[in-house]
Each structure stands twice: as structure tokens, then as C-alpha cells.
N, C-alpha and C. Protein backbone atom coordinates (compact mmCIF):
# COMPACT_ATOMS: atom_id res chain seq x y z
N MET A 1 171.27 90.27 64.36
CA MET A 1 172.77 90.79 64.24
C MET A 1 172.40 91.16 62.96
N THR A 2 173.44 92.58 62.79
CA THR A 2 173.28 93.03 61.41
C THR A 2 174.59 92.59 60.77
N ARG A 3 174.58 92.54 59.50
CA ARG A 3 175.91 92.03 58.81
C ARG A 3 176.07 93.16 57.87
N ASP A 4 175.94 94.42 58.18
CA ASP A 4 176.70 95.81 57.45
C ASP A 4 178.19 95.18 57.06
N ILE A 5 178.61 96.10 55.87
CA ILE A 5 179.99 95.96 55.41
C ILE A 5 180.20 97.47 55.44
N ALA A 6 181.41 97.91 56.08
CA ALA A 6 181.78 99.41 55.96
C ALA A 6 182.95 99.14 55.30
N ILE A 7 183.07 100.19 54.19
CA ILE A 7 184.31 100.20 53.36
C ILE A 7 184.76 101.56 53.10
N ASP A 8 185.69 101.50 53.48
CA ASP A 8 186.49 102.96 53.83
C ASP A 8 188.27 103.42 52.88
N GLY A 9 188.31 104.56 52.52
CA GLY A 9 189.53 104.58 51.82
C GLY A 9 189.73 106.05 51.45
N PRO A 10 190.77 106.31 51.17
CA PRO A 10 190.84 107.40 50.37
C PRO A 10 190.07 107.82 49.05
N SER A 11 189.99 108.94 48.88
CA SER A 11 189.63 109.63 47.41
C SER A 11 190.10 108.77 46.31
N GLY A 12 189.29 108.12 45.40
CA GLY A 12 190.02 107.69 43.81
C GLY A 12 190.66 106.27 44.40
N SER A 13 190.24 105.84 45.58
CA SER A 13 190.95 104.33 45.68
C SER A 13 190.24 103.24 45.41
N GLY A 14 189.08 103.46 44.81
CA GLY A 14 188.15 102.58 43.76
C GLY A 14 187.01 102.21 44.72
N LYS A 15 187.39 102.34 45.95
CA LYS A 15 186.31 101.73 47.11
C LYS A 15 184.75 102.28 46.52
N THR A 16 184.25 102.62 45.81
CA THR A 16 183.00 102.88 45.44
C THR A 16 182.68 101.64 44.43
N SER A 17 183.39 101.58 43.34
CA SER A 17 183.22 100.36 42.12
C SER A 17 183.39 98.87 43.07
N VAL A 18 184.39 98.81 44.23
CA VAL A 18 184.27 98.01 44.53
C VAL A 18 183.04 97.47 45.82
N GLY A 19 182.75 98.38 46.01
CA GLY A 19 181.31 98.23 46.95
C GLY A 19 180.30 97.77 46.18
N LEU A 20 179.93 98.48 45.12
CA LEU A 20 179.21 98.16 44.27
C LEU A 20 179.17 96.77 43.73
N ARG A 21 180.08 96.07 43.41
CA ARG A 21 180.14 94.85 43.06
C ARG A 21 179.97 93.82 44.14
N VAL A 22 180.28 94.32 45.53
CA VAL A 22 180.20 93.28 46.62
C VAL A 22 178.60 93.68 47.06
N ALA A 23 178.12 94.63 46.50
CA ALA A 23 176.63 94.80 47.07
C ALA A 23 175.82 93.70 46.16
N ALA A 24 176.26 93.92 44.81
CA ALA A 24 175.56 93.33 43.70
C ALA A 24 175.43 91.75 44.31
N GLU A 25 176.76 91.21 44.53
CA GLU A 25 177.05 89.90 44.85
C GLU A 25 176.18 89.18 46.05
N LEU A 26 176.30 90.39 46.85
CA LEU A 26 175.31 89.87 48.36
C LEU A 26 174.09 90.55 48.20
N GLU A 27 173.51 90.79 47.10
CA GLU A 27 171.96 91.40 47.19
C GLU A 27 172.05 92.17 48.19
N LEU A 28 172.93 93.68 48.42
CA LEU A 28 172.48 94.71 49.50
C LEU A 28 172.61 95.89 48.80
N MET A 29 171.86 96.56 49.73
CA MET A 29 171.71 98.19 48.99
C MET A 29 173.44 98.68 49.23
N LEU A 30 173.75 99.30 48.24
CA LEU A 30 175.11 100.22 48.56
C LEU A 30 174.75 101.43 48.61
N VAL A 31 175.34 102.23 49.63
CA VAL A 31 175.35 103.47 50.03
C VAL A 31 176.54 104.17 49.87
N ASP A 32 176.82 105.01 49.15
CA ASP A 32 177.87 105.94 48.94
C ASP A 32 177.75 106.90 49.88
N SER A 33 178.57 107.01 51.01
CA SER A 33 178.26 108.25 51.67
C SER A 33 178.92 109.79 51.13
N GLY A 34 179.66 109.58 50.32
CA GLY A 34 180.54 110.57 49.70
C GLY A 34 179.66 111.31 48.59
N LEU A 35 178.42 110.77 48.26
CA LEU A 35 177.38 111.48 47.47
C LEU A 35 176.50 112.58 48.58
N LEU A 36 176.33 112.39 49.49
CA LEU A 36 175.73 113.06 50.28
C LEU A 36 176.65 114.48 50.53
N TYR A 37 177.96 114.10 50.95
CA TYR A 37 179.03 115.29 51.06
C TYR A 37 178.75 116.21 49.87
N ARG A 38 178.71 115.19 49.03
CA ARG A 38 179.02 116.13 47.62
C ARG A 38 177.82 116.86 47.26
N VAL A 39 176.56 116.09 47.45
CA VAL A 39 174.99 117.02 47.13
C VAL A 39 174.97 118.22 48.22
N PHE A 40 175.65 118.41 49.07
CA PHE A 40 175.63 119.66 50.04
C PHE A 40 176.44 120.66 49.19
N THR A 41 177.78 120.04 48.89
CA THR A 41 178.90 120.75 48.33
C THR A 41 178.29 121.48 46.95
N ALA A 42 177.63 120.79 45.86
CA ALA A 42 177.27 121.15 44.85
C ALA A 42 176.19 122.07 45.03
N ALA A 43 175.28 121.96 46.18
CA ALA A 43 174.06 122.96 46.41
C ALA A 43 174.98 124.32 46.80
N TYR A 44 175.91 124.51 47.57
CA TYR A 44 176.40 125.14 47.95
C TYR A 44 177.37 126.24 46.59
N VAL A 45 177.85 125.16 45.77
CA VAL A 45 178.31 126.03 44.72
C VAL A 45 177.31 126.58 43.71
N GLU A 46 176.22 125.80 43.39
CA GLU A 46 175.14 126.22 42.75
C GLU A 46 174.64 127.76 43.28
N GLN A 47 174.63 127.74 44.84
CA GLN A 47 173.90 128.81 45.54
C GLN A 47 174.73 130.16 45.57
N PHE A 48 176.21 129.84 45.76
CA PHE A 48 176.90 130.98 46.02
C PHE A 48 178.32 130.41 45.16
N PRO A 49 177.81 130.97 44.23
CA PRO A 49 179.26 130.26 42.66
C PRO A 49 180.40 131.57 43.04
N SER A 50 179.95 132.63 43.58
CA SER A 50 180.83 134.12 43.37
C SER A 50 181.81 133.62 44.91
N ASP A 51 181.33 133.29 45.77
CA ASP A 51 182.45 132.75 47.18
C ASP A 51 183.71 132.32 46.61
N ASP A 52 184.72 133.21 47.47
CA ASP A 52 186.02 132.80 47.33
C ASP A 52 186.27 131.69 48.41
N GLY A 53 186.26 130.25 48.16
CA GLY A 53 186.63 129.44 49.14
C GLY A 53 185.35 129.11 50.46
N LEU A 54 185.38 128.81 50.99
CA LEU A 54 183.99 128.16 51.77
C LEU A 54 183.59 129.14 52.85
N GLN A 55 182.66 129.49 52.87
CA GLN A 55 181.78 130.60 53.59
C GLN A 55 180.95 129.62 54.57
N SER A 56 181.16 129.80 55.89
CA SER A 56 180.53 128.90 56.82
C SER A 56 179.02 129.32 57.13
N ASP A 57 178.76 130.69 56.83
CA ASP A 57 177.39 130.96 57.53
C ASP A 57 176.64 130.70 56.42
N HIS A 58 176.88 130.52 55.09
CA HIS A 58 176.49 130.21 53.69
C HIS A 58 175.72 128.61 53.85
N LEU A 59 176.97 127.91 54.07
CA LEU A 59 176.98 126.61 54.27
C LEU A 59 175.75 126.14 55.23
N LEU A 60 176.04 126.81 56.40
CA LEU A 60 174.97 125.99 57.72
C LEU A 60 173.61 126.93 57.10
N GLY A 61 173.19 127.94 56.36
CA GLY A 61 171.94 127.52 56.03
C GLY A 61 171.77 126.65 54.74
N ILE A 62 172.50 125.91 54.05
CA ILE A 62 172.28 125.00 52.99
C ILE A 62 171.98 123.68 53.80
N LEU A 63 172.58 123.46 55.19
CA LEU A 63 172.18 122.33 55.92
C LEU A 63 170.61 122.16 56.60
N LYS A 64 170.04 123.17 56.68
CA LYS A 64 168.63 123.27 57.01
C LYS A 64 167.80 122.80 55.99
N ARG A 65 168.13 122.65 54.73
CA ARG A 65 167.71 121.80 53.75
C ARG A 65 167.66 120.07 53.81
N ARG A 66 166.60 119.65 53.50
CA ARG A 66 166.57 118.02 53.50
C ARG A 66 167.36 117.20 52.28
N VAL A 67 168.34 116.55 52.49
CA VAL A 67 168.99 115.75 51.53
C VAL A 67 168.35 114.31 51.91
N THR A 68 167.81 113.63 50.74
CA THR A 68 167.59 112.00 51.04
C THR A 68 168.50 111.35 50.10
N TYR A 69 168.65 110.23 50.54
CA TYR A 69 169.59 109.01 50.18
C TYR A 69 168.40 108.04 49.51
N GLU A 70 168.10 107.75 48.22
CA GLU A 70 167.09 106.96 47.81
C GLU A 70 167.85 105.84 47.56
N SER A 71 167.06 104.47 47.59
CA SER A 71 167.52 102.86 47.54
C SER A 71 168.10 102.65 46.05
N SER A 72 167.75 103.78 44.94
CA SER A 72 168.49 104.04 43.80
C SER A 72 169.81 104.12 43.97
N GLY A 73 170.35 104.72 44.96
CA GLY A 73 171.64 105.64 44.84
C GLY A 73 171.42 107.01 44.61
N ARG A 74 170.24 107.38 44.21
CA ARG A 74 170.08 108.88 43.85
C ARG A 74 169.73 109.70 44.83
N VAL A 75 170.42 110.93 45.16
CA VAL A 75 170.46 111.64 46.16
C VAL A 75 169.67 113.01 46.01
N LEU A 76 168.74 113.16 46.50
CA LEU A 76 168.02 114.45 46.64
C LEU A 76 168.09 115.60 47.55
N PHE A 77 168.43 116.51 46.71
CA PHE A 77 168.51 118.00 47.53
C PHE A 77 166.90 118.95 47.68
N ASP A 78 166.30 118.74 48.88
CA ASP A 78 165.31 119.35 48.79
C ASP A 78 164.09 118.69 48.01
N GLY A 79 164.19 117.46 47.56
CA GLY A 79 163.29 116.62 46.93
C GLY A 79 163.70 116.72 45.31
N CYS A 80 164.63 117.45 45.04
CA CYS A 80 165.29 117.69 43.61
C CYS A 80 166.60 117.21 43.51
N VAL A 81 166.85 116.76 42.12
CA VAL A 81 168.27 116.40 41.56
C VAL A 81 169.36 117.58 41.36
N LEU A 82 169.95 118.15 41.63
CA LEU A 82 170.72 119.14 41.50
C LEU A 82 171.29 119.15 39.90
N GLN A 83 171.23 120.43 39.74
CA GLN A 83 171.80 120.58 38.06
C GLN A 83 173.26 120.36 37.84
N LEU A 84 173.95 120.89 38.92
CA LEU A 84 175.49 120.58 38.64
C LEU A 84 175.81 119.33 39.03
N SER A 85 176.89 118.58 38.39
CA SER A 85 177.19 117.26 38.36
C SER A 85 177.90 117.29 39.66
N LEU A 86 177.74 115.85 40.32
CA LEU A 86 178.37 115.96 41.67
C LEU A 86 179.75 115.84 42.11
N HIS A 87 180.43 115.47 40.26
CA HIS A 87 181.83 115.40 40.24
C HIS A 87 182.49 116.18 39.38
N ASP A 88 181.95 117.75 39.23
CA ASP A 88 182.12 118.82 38.79
C ASP A 88 183.46 119.18 39.44
N PRO A 89 184.84 119.63 39.03
CA PRO A 89 185.77 119.94 39.71
C PRO A 89 185.52 121.09 40.57
N ARG A 90 184.52 121.62 40.34
CA ARG A 90 184.46 122.89 41.59
C ARG A 90 183.98 122.14 43.07
N VAL A 91 183.16 121.03 42.65
CA VAL A 91 182.70 120.35 43.53
C VAL A 91 184.07 119.47 44.33
N ASP A 92 184.66 119.01 43.30
CA ASP A 92 186.34 118.34 43.64
C ASP A 92 187.01 119.34 44.81
N SER A 93 186.85 120.60 44.56
CA SER A 93 187.85 121.55 45.00
C SER A 93 187.24 121.66 46.35
N LEU A 94 186.02 121.61 46.65
CA LEU A 94 185.74 122.06 47.76
C LEU A 94 185.08 120.99 48.97
N VAL A 95 184.70 119.67 48.52
CA VAL A 95 184.10 118.90 49.21
C VAL A 95 185.01 118.17 50.27
N SER A 96 186.12 118.29 50.31
CA SER A 96 186.75 117.99 51.84
C SER A 96 186.61 119.11 52.83
N PRO A 97 186.71 120.19 52.22
CA PRO A 97 186.50 121.42 53.46
C PRO A 97 185.25 121.30 53.86
N VAL A 98 184.30 121.24 52.86
CA VAL A 98 182.73 121.05 53.47
C VAL A 98 182.49 119.79 54.42
N SER A 99 183.43 118.60 53.99
CA SER A 99 183.10 117.50 54.65
C SER A 99 183.74 117.40 55.86
N ALA A 100 184.38 118.59 56.42
CA ALA A 100 185.43 118.83 57.90
C ALA A 100 184.54 119.37 58.55
N VAL A 101 183.49 120.14 58.12
CA VAL A 101 182.52 121.03 59.32
C VAL A 101 181.55 119.94 60.03
N PRO A 102 182.02 119.97 61.12
CA PRO A 102 181.23 118.97 62.00
C PRO A 102 179.55 118.97 62.06
N ARG A 103 179.03 120.16 61.88
CA ARG A 103 177.49 120.06 61.49
C ARG A 103 177.20 119.08 60.06
N VAL A 104 178.24 119.12 59.18
CA VAL A 104 177.74 118.61 58.05
C VAL A 104 177.69 117.40 58.26
N ARG A 105 178.90 116.74 58.80
CA ARG A 105 179.38 115.38 59.58
C ARG A 105 177.81 114.72 60.38
N GLU A 106 177.25 115.72 61.05
CA GLU A 106 176.43 115.13 61.94
C GLU A 106 174.96 114.90 60.80
N THR A 107 174.85 116.01 60.11
CA THR A 107 173.77 115.60 59.31
C THR A 107 173.65 114.66 58.38
N VAL A 108 175.13 114.37 57.84
CA VAL A 108 174.99 113.13 56.83
C VAL A 108 174.81 112.01 57.55
N ASN A 109 175.84 111.68 58.90
CA ASN A 109 175.55 110.68 59.72
C ASN A 109 174.16 110.34 59.89
N ARG A 110 173.51 111.20 60.33
CA ARG A 110 172.13 110.77 60.94
C ARG A 110 171.56 110.09 59.53
N GLU A 111 171.48 110.48 57.94
CA GLU A 111 170.70 110.05 57.19
C GLU A 111 171.46 108.69 57.02
N LEU A 112 173.05 108.37 57.01
CA LEU A 112 173.43 107.26 57.07
C LEU A 112 172.64 106.35 58.04
N ARG A 113 173.06 106.59 59.17
CA ARG A 113 172.25 105.79 60.03
C ARG A 113 170.62 105.33 60.08
N ARG A 114 169.98 106.33 59.30
CA ARG A 114 168.69 105.90 59.14
C ARG A 114 168.57 104.73 58.33
N ILE A 115 169.45 105.20 57.22
CA ILE A 115 169.30 104.05 56.25
C ILE A 115 169.77 102.57 56.89
N ALA A 116 170.73 102.33 57.16
CA ALA A 116 171.58 101.39 58.02
C ALA A 116 170.34 100.43 58.96
N LEU A 117 169.36 101.44 59.35
CA LEU A 117 168.67 100.93 60.37
C LEU A 117 167.53 100.07 59.80
N LEU A 118 167.26 100.32 58.43
CA LEU A 118 166.28 99.70 57.64
C LEU A 118 166.70 98.53 57.11
N GLN A 119 168.10 98.13 56.95
CA GLN A 119 168.41 97.08 56.06
C GLN A 119 169.81 97.17 56.23
N ASP A 120 170.45 95.56 56.17
CA ASP A 120 171.99 95.37 55.83
C ASP A 120 172.25 96.38 54.84
N VAL A 121 173.67 96.74 54.38
CA VAL A 121 173.94 97.77 53.67
C VAL A 121 175.29 97.26 53.31
N VAL A 122 176.01 97.69 52.21
CA VAL A 122 177.37 97.92 51.81
C VAL A 122 177.50 99.47 51.86
N MET A 123 178.38 100.15 52.95
CA MET A 123 178.50 101.58 52.78
C MET A 123 179.68 101.97 52.65
N VAL A 124 180.16 102.67 51.80
CA VAL A 124 181.55 103.37 51.43
C VAL A 124 181.64 104.86 51.86
N GLY A 125 183.12 104.79 52.30
CA GLY A 125 183.13 106.51 52.85
C GLY A 125 184.40 106.36 53.46
N ARG A 126 184.81 107.59 54.37
CA ARG A 126 186.14 107.52 55.06
C ARG A 126 185.99 107.37 56.73
N ASP A 127 185.12 107.19 57.38
CA ASP A 127 184.72 106.89 58.64
C ASP A 127 183.82 106.20 58.91
N ILE A 128 183.09 105.04 58.41
CA ILE A 128 182.17 104.41 58.38
C ILE A 128 182.17 103.53 59.27
N GLY A 129 183.57 102.71 59.49
CA GLY A 129 183.77 101.63 60.35
C GLY A 129 184.17 102.41 61.75
N THR A 130 184.57 103.70 61.69
CA THR A 130 185.17 104.13 63.04
C THR A 130 184.07 105.00 63.32
N THR A 131 183.35 105.63 63.07
CA THR A 131 182.22 106.44 63.33
C THR A 131 180.92 106.15 63.18
N VAL A 132 180.27 106.05 61.86
CA VAL A 132 179.01 105.76 61.35
C VAL A 132 178.20 104.44 61.67
N LEU A 133 179.24 103.35 61.56
CA LEU A 133 178.72 102.11 61.89
C LEU A 133 179.92 101.23 62.65
N PRO A 134 180.18 101.73 63.86
CA PRO A 134 181.36 101.26 64.35
C PRO A 134 181.15 99.78 65.01
N LYS A 135 179.99 99.10 64.87
CA LYS A 135 179.53 97.63 64.66
C LYS A 135 179.52 96.87 63.68
N ALA A 136 179.98 97.41 62.81
CA ALA A 136 179.62 96.77 61.48
C ALA A 136 180.24 95.37 61.31
N PHE A 137 179.76 94.32 60.86
CA PHE A 137 180.04 93.07 60.89
C PHE A 137 181.18 92.83 59.86
N LEU A 138 181.65 93.73 59.07
CA LEU A 138 182.89 93.51 58.48
C LEU A 138 183.23 95.09 57.68
N LYS A 139 184.79 95.28 58.42
CA LYS A 139 185.22 96.76 57.99
C LYS A 139 186.25 96.33 56.88
N VAL A 140 186.52 97.06 55.98
CA VAL A 140 187.45 97.24 54.81
C VAL A 140 188.01 98.21 54.60
N PHE A 141 189.26 98.33 54.63
CA PHE A 141 189.99 99.72 54.43
C PHE A 141 190.62 99.54 52.79
N ILE A 142 190.30 100.18 51.79
CA ILE A 142 191.15 99.97 50.82
C ILE A 142 191.90 101.44 50.31
N ALA A 143 192.99 101.01 49.93
CA ALA A 143 194.11 102.00 49.74
C ALA A 143 194.49 101.87 48.34
N ALA A 144 195.17 102.75 47.80
CA ALA A 144 195.82 102.88 46.27
C ALA A 144 196.87 104.00 46.43
N GLU A 145 197.87 104.09 45.53
CA GLU A 145 198.74 105.02 45.31
C GLU A 145 198.15 106.53 44.56
N PRO A 146 198.63 107.32 45.19
CA PRO A 146 198.08 108.64 44.85
C PRO A 146 197.85 109.08 43.42
N ASP A 147 198.92 108.73 42.40
CA ASP A 147 199.03 108.54 41.13
C ASP A 147 198.27 108.00 40.57
N VAL A 148 197.75 106.43 40.73
CA VAL A 148 196.91 105.86 40.35
C VAL A 148 195.40 106.27 40.46
N ARG A 149 195.09 106.95 41.67
CA ARG A 149 194.07 107.54 42.22
C ARG A 149 193.85 108.25 41.20
N ALA A 150 194.66 109.21 40.90
CA ALA A 150 194.42 110.51 39.79
C ALA A 150 193.98 110.15 38.80
N ARG A 151 194.61 109.00 38.22
CA ARG A 151 194.46 108.44 36.64
C ARG A 151 193.14 107.80 36.50
N ARG A 152 192.69 107.47 37.64
CA ARG A 152 191.28 107.03 37.67
C ARG A 152 189.94 107.88 37.50
N ARG A 153 190.65 109.14 38.43
CA ARG A 153 189.64 110.26 38.68
C ARG A 153 189.58 110.85 37.27
N VAL A 154 190.78 111.10 36.36
CA VAL A 154 190.85 111.82 35.18
C VAL A 154 190.26 110.88 34.14
N ALA A 155 190.15 109.51 34.32
CA ALA A 155 189.52 108.62 33.38
C ALA A 155 187.65 108.76 33.62
N GLN A 156 187.40 108.76 34.92
CA GLN A 156 185.98 108.80 35.27
C GLN A 156 185.43 110.61 34.71
N LEU A 157 186.09 111.48 35.03
CA LEU A 157 185.53 112.52 34.68
C LEU A 157 185.68 112.54 32.95
N LYS A 158 186.23 111.86 32.45
CA LYS A 158 186.26 112.19 30.96
C LYS A 158 185.01 111.51 30.59
N CYS A 159 184.82 110.26 31.03
CA CYS A 159 183.46 109.50 30.92
C CYS A 159 182.17 110.45 31.06
N GLN A 160 182.12 111.33 31.98
CA GLN A 160 181.14 112.33 32.09
C GLN A 160 181.29 113.36 31.52
N GLY A 161 182.16 113.47 30.46
CA GLY A 161 182.45 114.40 29.30
C GLY A 161 182.96 115.70 30.27
N ILE A 162 183.59 115.95 31.43
CA ILE A 162 184.42 116.72 31.92
C ILE A 162 185.77 116.69 31.93
N ALA A 163 186.47 117.60 31.13
CA ALA A 163 187.85 117.78 31.38
C ALA A 163 188.69 117.99 32.27
N ALA A 164 189.84 117.41 32.49
CA ALA A 164 190.42 117.55 33.93
C ALA A 164 192.08 117.59 33.62
N ASP A 165 192.83 118.14 34.07
CA ASP A 165 194.37 117.97 34.06
C ASP A 165 194.95 117.16 34.96
N TYR A 166 195.72 116.11 34.71
CA TYR A 166 196.09 115.07 35.71
C TYR A 166 196.80 115.74 37.06
N GLU A 167 197.70 116.75 36.43
CA GLU A 167 198.56 117.39 37.82
C GLU A 167 197.49 117.98 38.80
N ALA A 168 196.51 118.88 38.10
CA ALA A 168 195.53 119.29 39.03
C ALA A 168 194.79 118.29 39.85
N VAL A 169 194.40 117.23 39.26
CA VAL A 169 193.67 116.19 39.97
C VAL A 169 194.51 115.52 41.11
N LEU A 170 195.85 115.08 40.80
CA LEU A 170 196.57 114.44 41.41
C LEU A 170 196.85 115.64 42.57
N ALA A 171 197.04 116.86 42.47
CA ALA A 171 197.44 117.70 43.58
C ALA A 171 196.09 117.91 44.51
N ASN A 172 194.96 117.90 43.86
CA ASN A 172 193.63 118.00 44.58
C ASN A 172 193.27 116.75 45.74
N ILE A 173 193.91 115.59 44.80
CA ILE A 173 193.69 114.14 45.78
C ILE A 173 194.58 114.22 47.13
N LYS A 174 195.82 114.90 46.91
CA LYS A 174 196.76 114.81 47.83
C LYS A 174 196.16 115.95 49.23
N GLU A 175 195.58 117.02 48.56
CA GLU A 175 195.21 117.79 49.43
C GLU A 175 193.67 117.46 50.16
N ARG A 176 193.42 116.56 49.69
CA ARG A 176 192.25 115.79 50.08
C ARG A 176 192.58 115.06 51.10
N ASP A 177 193.58 114.02 50.73
CA ASP A 177 194.12 113.25 51.88
C ASP A 177 194.51 113.72 53.24
N ALA A 178 195.25 115.22 52.97
CA ALA A 178 195.66 115.64 54.15
C ALA A 178 194.43 116.18 55.22
N ILE A 179 193.46 116.66 54.07
CA ILE A 179 192.46 117.27 55.03
C ILE A 179 191.57 116.29 55.75
N ASP A 180 191.48 115.04 54.99
CA ASP A 180 190.36 113.82 55.70
C ASP A 180 191.41 113.10 56.67
N SER A 181 192.34 113.29 56.72
CA SER A 181 193.36 112.65 57.55
C SER A 181 193.65 113.31 59.09
N SER A 182 193.77 114.19 58.87
CA SER A 182 193.76 115.50 59.55
C SER A 182 192.70 116.27 60.65
N ARG A 183 191.46 116.21 60.11
CA ARG A 183 190.58 116.90 60.54
C ARG A 183 190.20 116.33 61.76
N GLU A 184 189.58 116.95 62.77
CA GLU A 184 189.38 116.57 64.12
C GLU A 184 188.16 116.00 64.41
N ASP A 185 187.54 116.23 63.47
CA ASP A 185 186.24 115.28 63.81
C ASP A 185 186.08 113.97 62.82
N SER A 186 186.21 112.71 63.21
CA SER A 186 186.15 111.74 62.37
C SER A 186 187.33 111.61 61.29
N PRO A 187 188.37 111.63 61.38
CA PRO A 187 189.48 111.85 60.28
C PRO A 187 189.35 110.26 59.81
N LEU A 188 189.95 110.35 58.40
CA LEU A 188 190.16 108.99 58.06
C LEU A 188 191.22 108.02 58.56
N ARG A 189 191.12 106.72 58.78
CA ARG A 189 191.88 106.17 59.57
C ARG A 189 191.85 104.53 59.51
N CYS A 190 192.86 103.78 59.55
CA CYS A 190 192.63 102.42 59.17
C CYS A 190 192.93 101.89 60.90
N THR A 191 192.23 101.28 61.48
CA THR A 191 192.25 100.53 62.86
C THR A 191 192.90 99.27 62.35
N GLU A 192 192.97 98.64 63.52
CA GLU A 192 193.07 97.32 63.58
C GLU A 192 192.32 96.18 63.47
N GLU A 193 190.82 96.91 63.52
CA GLU A 193 189.38 96.06 62.95
C GLU A 193 189.57 96.24 61.64
N TYR A 194 190.29 96.89 61.02
CA TYR A 194 189.64 96.91 59.44
C TYR A 194 190.57 95.40 58.61
N VAL A 195 189.95 95.17 57.56
CA VAL A 195 191.20 94.28 56.98
C VAL A 195 191.40 94.99 55.71
N ARG A 196 192.90 95.44 55.75
CA ARG A 196 193.10 96.19 54.48
C ARG A 196 194.04 95.79 53.19
N LEU A 197 193.26 96.21 52.29
CA LEU A 197 193.14 95.82 50.85
C LEU A 197 193.93 96.84 49.92
N ASP A 198 195.28 96.44 49.31
CA ASP A 198 195.61 97.39 48.48
C ASP A 198 194.85 97.33 47.17
N ASN A 199 194.24 98.41 46.32
CA ASN A 199 193.75 98.18 44.94
C ASN A 199 194.24 99.21 43.65
N SER A 200 195.88 99.01 44.17
CA SER A 200 196.52 100.12 43.32
C SER A 200 196.43 99.24 41.72
N ALA A 201 196.64 97.93 41.67
CA ALA A 201 196.83 97.28 40.53
C ALA A 201 195.45 97.35 39.55
N ASP A 202 195.76 97.45 38.40
CA ASP A 202 194.57 97.94 37.56
C ASP A 202 193.65 96.42 37.68
N GLY A 203 192.21 96.66 37.86
CA GLY A 203 191.00 95.83 38.26
C GLY A 203 190.96 95.69 39.47
N SER A 204 189.73 95.37 39.59
CA SER A 204 189.43 95.00 41.46
C SER A 204 188.94 93.72 41.81
N ASP A 205 189.30 92.84 40.74
CA ASP A 205 188.40 91.13 40.90
C ASP A 205 188.97 90.72 42.44
N GLY A 206 190.65 90.92 42.57
CA GLY A 206 191.00 90.05 43.61
C GLY A 206 190.64 90.71 45.08
N VAL A 207 190.54 92.44 45.01
CA VAL A 207 189.70 92.54 46.29
C VAL A 207 188.52 92.50 46.49
N VAL A 208 187.67 92.56 45.54
CA VAL A 208 186.07 91.96 45.32
C VAL A 208 186.10 90.78 46.17
N GLN A 209 187.02 89.82 45.58
CA GLN A 209 186.58 88.34 45.86
C GLN A 209 187.50 88.28 47.73
N ALA A 210 188.20 88.96 47.76
CA ALA A 210 188.92 88.96 49.02
C ALA A 210 187.83 89.47 50.26
N ILE A 211 187.07 90.53 50.06
CA ILE A 211 186.09 90.87 50.62
C ILE A 211 185.13 89.48 50.92
N LEU A 212 184.56 89.34 49.71
CA LEU A 212 183.18 88.19 49.60
C LEU A 212 183.76 87.01 50.37
N SER A 213 185.00 86.55 50.33
CA SER A 213 185.69 85.55 51.17
C SER A 213 185.61 85.80 52.64
N GLU A 214 186.05 86.67 53.07
CA GLU A 214 186.15 87.08 54.33
C GLU A 214 184.75 87.14 54.84
N TYR A 215 183.68 87.80 54.16
CA TYR A 215 182.39 88.03 54.72
C TYR A 215 181.73 86.84 54.92
N CYS A 216 181.95 85.72 53.96
CA CYS A 216 181.35 84.55 53.98
C CYS A 216 181.97 83.83 55.10
N ARG A 217 183.32 83.97 55.34
CA ARG A 217 184.27 82.97 56.32
C ARG A 217 183.31 83.65 57.72
N ARG A 218 182.80 84.81 58.04
CA ARG A 218 182.69 85.22 59.20
C ARG A 218 181.15 85.07 59.38
N LEU A 219 180.41 84.86 58.15
CA LEU A 219 178.97 84.21 57.99
C LEU A 219 178.93 82.68 59.06
N GLU A 220 179.86 82.12 58.37
CA GLU A 220 179.92 80.38 58.71
C GLU A 220 180.10 80.28 60.35
N HIS A 221 180.92 81.50 61.09
CA HIS A 221 181.34 81.47 62.32
C HIS A 221 180.45 82.10 63.12
N ALA A 222 179.57 83.06 62.70
CA ALA A 222 178.65 84.18 63.48
C ALA A 222 177.56 83.09 64.28
N VAL A 223 177.21 83.87 65.41
CA VAL A 223 176.62 83.34 66.13
C VAL A 223 174.75 83.29 66.30
């Protein structure tokens, strides 16, 4: 029996930070699916900086290149690390439209499932429990208010030396929520199989402990 943990939730909900702590506690590999989508998006921005919006023919050419997720959490594009930051505002503005393309999702999901076949993982994303790992041992949905998520994103960018305007970030988060929840292919949704946790409050200790407790409880009752 696999004992994967699927953690889904909207942008900026803190799911990656939570997943990192849970993975460390359980000595499992953390897989942040968002990094794969960001690598494709960053590669697109690097190669076609003058494009006004997403051009599907350009994107499909990029999908022919190999993307690899290493155990260290580093993601390589054709064996190399991209120069553009994966959290650059230009990447933020395009990552949801790129993620909504079925061919992109198919390519990313193939890599995610390859990793999960090798070992138990804590995998973070938006459709992990519904599409990528539908038989995950534990499915968690992490929510947080948009304004809280926007403040977190601004602070994250500041730490990376990237200037960001709060109102612009908030607008981008709301737009991404709309795209992620309404796309036809694997939309963001919380089904009855998920343990839903709110991470709006500062700090994620309670959320991490809730996940660990539920995981241990299920292990005790596993056949």
C-alpha cells in the first residue's frame, strides 16, 4: 500500500510550506507540482519575451523539451537550471493560463506519477488528490483568505529581491483562482475525500499537526 499525502489548495495558501514541514517530519520526499508548471512558464518567458500573452504554438514547442524533478527539489529544463526566477512576476502572470493547457498538464502529470512510483511522497498542487494521485493515502485541502495569501506572496517575493505591489499581487491571485477553478481539465476543487484545513491564521503549526495526527491515525488503522 502506498502512503502518499496529496496536499491541494489555491495559490498562496501556504500548502508548500506546510508540505515541506510534513515531509520533513515523516522523512518523505516533497514534490511541489507547481514548480514544474513554473519551469515551463519561465522557459516560455525566456524564449518568447515579446509575446503579448500566451501563444499556443510557441508553448507546444517548449513541451518537446525534457523537464526533470530531482529529489533535492530542483527542477531542470533540458538538463539545466533556468536563469529566470520561477517566481518572477512575469511567470506569476502566465502560470495559470499555461497550467490550463491540457498538453501541459499531461506532461507534468506524467513526471509527477513517475516520481510517486519510486517512493511515497508528500505532493503539493491543485489537482493532486483528484487527478494525479487519486488513490493517495491522505488528501488534504488547504485554504486561506485571498488578502492573507497576497501578503504572503509579497513577503516571499521581497525575500527573493523582487519588488511587488500588494494590489497587483492580490488581483493576480484572484485571477488565478478563477482560472484554476473553472478550467475544464482537472480544476481546483475540494471533494468529500479531503480533510479541509484553513491556514489563514499566521503560522502553520496547527495545520501541520492536524495533518500529522490524521496520517498517524490512518496508519494505525491501515490493513
